[in-house]
C-alpha atoms as a PDB file:
ATOM      1  CA  UNK A   1      12.686  -5.259 -15.532  1.00  0.00           C
ATOM      2  CA  UNK A   2      15.412  -6.964 -13.500  1.00  0.00           C
ATOM      3  CA  UNK A   3      16.693  -3.566 -12.376  1.00  0.00           C
ATOM      4  CA  UNK A   4      13.232  -2.614 -11.086  1.00  0.00           C
ATOM      5  CA  UNK A   5      12.940  -5.876  -9.136  1.00  0.00           C
ATOM      6  CA  UNK A   6      16.374  -5.372  -7.619  1.00  0.00           C
ATOM      7  CA  UNK A   7      15.469  -1.806  -6.616  1.00  0.00           C
ATOM      8  CA  UNK A   8      12.281  -2.959  -4.870  1.00  0.00           C
ATOM      9  CA  UNK A   9      14.089  -5.781  -3.057  1.00  0.00           C
ATOM     10  CA  UNK A  10      16.835  -3.362  -1.998  1.00  0.00           C
ATOM     11  CA  UNK A  11      14.344  -0.767  -0.782  1.00  0.00           C
ATOM     12  CA  UNK A  12      12.407  -3.423   1.136  1.00  0.00           C
ATOM     13  CA  UNK A  13      15.602  -4.655   2.812  1.00  0.00           C
ATOM     14  CA  UNK A  14      16.690  -1.108   3.639  1.00  0.00           C
ATOM     15  CA  UNK A  15      13.287  -0.296   5.169  1.00  0.00           C
ATOM     16  CA  UNK A  16      13.322  -3.501   7.209  1.00  0.00           C
ATOM     17  CA  UNK A  17      16.841  -2.857   8.512  1.00  0.00           C
ATOM     18  CA  UNK A  18      16.227   0.800   9.395  1.00  0.00           C
ATOM     19  CA  UNK A  19      12.898   0.061  11.117  1.00  0.00           C
ATOM     20  CA  UNK A  20      14.416  -2.851  13.054  1.00  0.00           C
ATOM     21  CA  UNK A  21      17.149  -0.489  14.268  1.00  0.00           C
ATOM     22  CA  UNK A  22      14.581   2.124  15.294  1.00  0.00           C
ATOM     23  CA  UNK A  23      12.471  -0.528  17.022  1.00  0.00           C
ATOM     24  CA  UNK A  24      15.484  -1.789  18.983  1.00  0.00           C
ATOM     25  CA  UNK A  25      16.212   1.764  20.165  1.00  0.00           C
ATOM     26  CA  UNK A  26      12.660   2.394  21.475  1.00  0.00           C
ATOM     27  CA  UNK A  27      12.496   1.974  25.255  1.00  0.00           C
ATOM     28  CA  UNK A  28       9.612   1.748  27.708  1.00  0.00           C
ATOM     29  CA  UNK A  29       8.981   5.308  28.886  1.00  0.00           C
ATOM     30  CA  UNK A  30       9.911   6.966  25.572  1.00  0.00           C
ATOM     31  CA  UNK A  31       7.562   9.739  24.462  1.00  0.00           C
ATOM     32  CA  UNK A  32       5.516   9.581  21.270  1.00  0.00           C
ATOM     33  CA  UNK A  33       7.760  12.268  19.767  1.00  0.00           C
ATOM     34  CA  UNK A  34      10.884  10.236  20.584  1.00  0.00           C
ATOM     35  CA  UNK A  35       9.388   7.110  18.991  1.00  0.00           C
ATOM     36  CA  UNK A  36       8.459   8.968  15.800  1.00  0.00           C
ATOM     37  CA  UNK A  37      11.909  10.578  15.696  1.00  0.00           C
ATOM     38  CA  UNK A  38      13.578   7.166  16.006  1.00  0.00           C
ATOM     39  CA  UNK A  39      11.521   5.748  13.135  1.00  0.00           C
ATOM     40  CA  UNK A  40      12.036   8.917  11.107  1.00  0.00           C
ATOM     41  CA  UNK A  41       8.460   8.923   9.833  1.00  0.00           C
ATOM     42  CA  UNK A  42       4.892   9.295  11.009  1.00  0.00           C
ATOM     43  CA  UNK A  43       3.168   5.995  11.837  1.00  0.00           C
ATOM     44  CA  UNK A  44       1.246   4.289   9.033  1.00  0.00           C
ATOM     45  CA  UNK A  45      -1.747   3.839  11.322  1.00  0.00           C
ATOM     46  CA  UNK A  46      -2.815   5.114  14.750  1.00  0.00           C
ATOM     47  CA  UNK A  47      -4.946   2.488  16.462  1.00  0.00           C
ATOM     48  CA  UNK A  48      -7.312   3.634  19.220  1.00  0.00           C
ATOM     49  CA  UNK A  49      -8.536   1.429  22.090  1.00  0.00           C
ATOM     50  CA  UNK A  50     -11.158  -1.097  21.107  1.00  0.00           C
ATOM     51  CA  UNK A  51     -10.697  -0.562  17.356  1.00  0.00           C
ATOM     52  CA  UNK A  52      -8.622  -3.447  16.012  1.00  0.00           C
ATOM     53  CA  UNK A  53      -6.147  -2.877  13.197  1.00  0.00           C
ATOM     54  CA  UNK A  54      -6.615  -6.407  11.903  1.00  0.00           C
ATOM     55  CA  UNK A  55      -3.922  -6.397   9.242  1.00  0.00           C
ATOM     56  CA  UNK A  56      -1.441  -7.624  11.889  1.00  0.00           C
ATOM     57  CA  UNK A  57      -2.977  -7.782  15.364  1.00  0.00           C
ATOM     58  CA  UNK A  58      -5.557 -10.146  16.781  1.00  0.00           C
ATOM     59  CA  UNK A  59      -6.310  -8.027  19.852  1.00  0.00           C
ATOM     60  CA  UNK A  60      -7.073  -4.300  19.864  1.00  0.00           C
ATOM     61  CA  UNK A  61      -5.202  -1.753  21.916  1.00  0.00           C
ATOM     62  CA  UNK A  62      -6.697  -1.945  25.406  1.00  0.00           C
ATOM     63  CA  UNK A  63      -6.016  -1.774  29.136  1.00  0.00           C
ATOM     64  CA  UNK A  64      -3.327   0.838  29.730  1.00  0.00           C
ATOM     65  CA  UNK A  65      -2.885   1.269  25.967  1.00  0.00           C
ATOM     66  CA  UNK A  66      -4.359   4.600  24.870  1.00  0.00           C
ATOM     67  CA  UNK A  67      -2.944   4.403  21.344  1.00  0.00           C
ATOM     68  CA  UNK A  68      -0.956   1.920  19.251  1.00  0.00           C
ATOM     69  CA  UNK A  69       1.356   3.341  16.613  1.00  0.00           C
ATOM     70  CA  UNK A  70       1.963   1.151  13.554  1.00  0.00           C
ATOM     71  CA  UNK A  71       5.044   1.441  11.364  1.00  0.00           C
ATOM     72  CA  UNK A  72       4.676  -0.781   8.309  1.00  0.00           C
ATOM     73  CA  UNK A  73       7.046  -1.993   5.630  1.00  0.00           C
ATOM     74  CA  UNK A  74       4.556  -1.787   2.768  1.00  0.00           C
ATOM     75  CA  UNK A  75       7.208  -3.020   0.333  1.00  0.00           C
ATOM     76  CA  UNK A  76       7.071  -6.393   2.118  1.00  0.00           C
ATOM     77  CA  UNK A  77       3.449  -6.779   0.947  1.00  0.00           C
ATOM     78  CA  UNK A  78       2.006  -6.443   4.462  1.00  0.00           C
ATOM     79  CA  UNK A  79       4.193  -9.148   6.010  1.00  0.00           C
ATOM     80  CA  UNK A  80       6.207  -6.910   8.363  1.00  0.00           C
ATOM     81  CA  UNK A  81       5.291  -4.162  10.825  1.00  0.00           C
ATOM     82  CA  UNK A  82       6.300  -2.724  14.168  1.00  0.00           C
ATOM     83  CA  UNK A  83       3.897  -1.439  16.811  1.00  0.00           C
ATOM     84  CA  UNK A  84       4.474   0.794  19.812  1.00  0.00           C
ATOM     85  CA  UNK A  85       1.808   1.140  22.489  1.00  0.00           C
ATOM     86  CA  UNK A  86       1.430   4.434  24.345  1.00  0.00           C
ATOM     87  CA  UNK A  87      -0.312   5.141  27.638  1.00  0.00           C
ATOM     88  CA  UNK A  88      -2.632   8.095  28.310  1.00  0.00           C
ATOM     89  CA  UNK A  89       0.439  10.297  28.911  1.00  0.00           C
ATOM     90  CA  UNK A  90       1.915   9.462  25.502  1.00  0.00           C
ATOM     91  CA  UNK A  91       4.674   7.252  26.916  1.00  0.00           C
ATOM     92  CA  UNK A  92       5.735   3.881  25.535  1.00  0.00           C
ATOM     93  CA  UNK A  93       4.435   0.914  27.539  1.00  0.00           C
ATOM     94  CA  UNK A  94       4.954  -1.929  25.064  1.00  0.00           C
ATOM     95  CA  UNK A  95       6.351  -2.655  21.607  1.00  0.00           C
ATOM     96  CA  UNK A  96       6.029  -5.578  19.211  1.00  0.00           C
ATOM     97  CA  UNK A  97       7.446  -6.654  15.861  1.00  0.00           C
ATOM     98  CA  UNK A  98       4.981  -8.408  13.557  1.00  0.00           C
ATOM     99  CA  UNK A  99       6.072 -10.708  10.727  1.00  0.00           C
ATOM    100  CA  UNK A 100       4.190 -13.206   8.649  1.00  0.00           C
ATOM    101  CA  UNK A 101       5.896 -16.266   7.253  1.00  0.00           C
END
């Protein structure tokens, strides 16, 4: 049992570290493909304008945001995620890290 707990904690920490590194590397102007390549995985959720993904955000993608990509750390029990907002041309316009205490 202790081994299983340690494996989950280790995997959660690894996911958090690797996603934080990917998030730090994402720059305004990056393409959707570049963002996905940095994270090394498809987004958990693709949020469209006006349709709130309420697990983390309090405001839906809107304004210049044509799509918000969500990369979650599901091992953290929905307490950590990273979002990248794309414009209508598929370029990064904003990014945010979401954590819950």
